[in-house]
């Protein structure tokens, strides 16, 4: 009986140590309403249309000086998905929780 309890406690400890605050899907992130939408296209592209409420920081301006709330998930997109992939890698390396939404045309979030 003692072995079973030890095995049970060990399995709970090992599986329960993950970061339960991280969402596993875009739907979870949206439902939790704890995110920032980041458009990494040029300011000209942004002015032509963007996701409602998004911030515009071109991908090549994202560096260690960027100051976004690290308690929020960063949802990043661009025109085709290439620049958002680069921004994703950069933001991840800076310690942000990031999701790459890919191309602007494929995003189903509200646009302006």
Protein backbone atom coordinates (compact mmCIF):
# COMPACT_ATOMS: atom_id res chain seq x y z
CA UNK A 1 0.00 0.00 0.00
CA UNK A 2 2.84 2.37 0.89
CA UNK A 3 4.40 1.79 -2.58
CA UNK A 4 1.13 2.63 -4.31
CA UNK A 5 0.81 5.91 -2.39
CA UNK A 6 4.43 6.85 -3.19
CA UNK A 7 3.95 6.02 -6.89
CA UNK A 8 0.68 7.96 -6.99
CA UNK A 9 2.21 11.02 -5.30
CA UNK A 10 5.26 10.86 -7.56
CA UNK A 11 3.12 10.69 -10.70
CA UNK A 12 0.99 13.62 -9.53
CA UNK A 13 4.12 15.61 -8.77
CA UNK A 14 5.74 14.86 -12.13
CA UNK A 15 2.65 15.57 -14.22
CA UNK A 16 1.44 18.52 -12.18
CA UNK A 17 4.60 20.60 -12.39
CA UNK A 18 3.85 22.14 -15.77
CA UNK A 19 2.88 25.75 -16.13
CA UNK A 20 -0.89 25.52 -15.91
CA UNK A 21 -1.24 29.22 -16.82
CA UNK A 22 -0.14 28.55 -20.41
CA UNK A 23 -2.98 28.10 -22.85
CA UNK A 24 -2.75 25.31 -25.40
CA UNK A 25 -4.82 26.80 -28.18
CA UNK A 26 -5.77 30.11 -29.74
CA UNK A 27 -9.34 29.59 -28.55
CA UNK A 28 -8.11 29.25 -24.96
CA UNK A 29 -6.04 32.43 -25.24
CA UNK A 30 -8.95 34.40 -26.71
CA UNK A 31 -11.38 33.06 -24.10
CA UNK A 32 -9.00 34.04 -21.27
CA UNK A 33 -8.67 37.54 -22.81
CA UNK A 34 -5.04 37.78 -21.71
CA UNK A 35 -3.24 38.59 -24.94
CA UNK A 36 -1.70 41.29 -27.10
CA UNK A 37 -2.10 41.17 -30.88
CA UNK A 38 1.09 42.29 -32.60
CA UNK A 39 1.19 43.24 -36.28
CA UNK A 40 4.82 43.00 -37.46
CA UNK A 41 4.25 44.48 -40.93
CA UNK A 42 5.36 47.94 -42.01
CA UNK A 43 3.40 50.97 -40.83
CA UNK A 44 2.12 51.43 -44.39
CA UNK A 45 0.72 47.89 -44.47
CA UNK A 46 -0.78 48.41 -41.03
CA UNK A 47 -2.60 51.58 -42.16
CA UNK A 48 -4.16 49.63 -45.05
CA UNK A 49 -5.91 47.32 -42.56
CA UNK A 50 -5.11 45.44 -39.37
CA UNK A 51 -6.60 43.35 -36.58
CA UNK A 52 -8.73 45.50 -34.32
CA UNK A 53 -6.77 46.65 -31.27
CA UNK A 54 -3.43 45.36 -32.54
CA UNK A 55 -0.10 47.05 -31.95
CA UNK A 56 2.19 47.71 -34.90
CA UNK A 57 5.87 46.99 -34.35
CA UNK A 58 7.71 45.97 -37.54
CA UNK A 59 9.48 42.63 -37.11
CA UNK A 60 12.94 44.14 -37.61
CA UNK A 61 12.38 46.54 -34.69
CA UNK A 62 11.75 43.78 -32.16
CA UNK A 63 14.76 43.44 -29.90
CA UNK A 64 15.72 43.41 -26.21
CA UNK A 65 14.38 46.98 -25.87
CA UNK A 66 10.80 45.95 -26.62
CA UNK A 67 8.55 46.36 -23.58
CA UNK A 68 5.44 44.19 -23.76
CA UNK A 69 3.59 42.66 -20.83
CA UNK A 70 5.19 39.23 -20.28
CA UNK A 71 2.14 38.01 -18.38
CA UNK A 72 0.17 38.11 -21.65
CA UNK A 73 0.37 35.85 -24.70
CA UNK A 74 1.62 37.70 -27.77
CA UNK A 75 -0.37 36.85 -30.92
CA UNK A 76 1.83 37.83 -33.86
CA UNK A 77 0.96 38.12 -37.57
CA UNK A 78 2.20 39.66 -40.84
CA UNK A 79 1.21 39.64 -44.52
CA UNK A 80 2.34 36.14 -45.51
CA UNK A 81 3.64 34.46 -42.34
CA UNK A 82 7.37 34.91 -42.98
CA UNK A 83 7.96 38.00 -40.84
CA UNK A 84 5.67 36.71 -38.10
CA UNK A 85 7.84 33.57 -37.94
CA UNK A 86 10.95 35.69 -37.46
CA UNK A 87 9.17 37.82 -34.85
CA UNK A 88 7.95 34.66 -33.12
CA UNK A 89 11.52 33.35 -32.78
CA UNK A 90 12.79 36.71 -31.53
CA UNK A 91 10.00 37.14 -28.97
CA UNK A 92 10.43 33.55 -27.73
CA UNK A 93 14.17 34.16 -27.24
CA UNK A 94 13.27 37.26 -25.19
CA UNK A 95 11.06 35.19 -22.88
CA UNK A 96 7.60 35.97 -24.22
CA UNK A 97 4.74 33.48 -24.55
CA UNK A 98 3.99 33.77 -28.29
CA UNK A 99 1.60 32.32 -30.84
CA UNK A 100 2.20 32.86 -34.56
CA UNK A 101 -1.09 33.59 -36.32
CA UNK A 102 0.59 33.63 -39.74
CA UNK A 103 -0.85 35.74 -42.52
CA UNK A 104 -3.23 38.68 -42.11
CA UNK A 105 -5.68 37.28 -44.68
CA UNK A 106 -6.09 34.00 -42.78
CA UNK A 107 -6.88 35.59 -39.41
CA UNK A 108 -10.50 35.39 -38.28
CA UNK A 109 -10.19 38.06 -35.57
CA UNK A 110 -12.06 41.34 -36.06
CA UNK A 111 -10.28 43.68 -38.50
CA UNK A 112 -10.35 47.40 -39.11
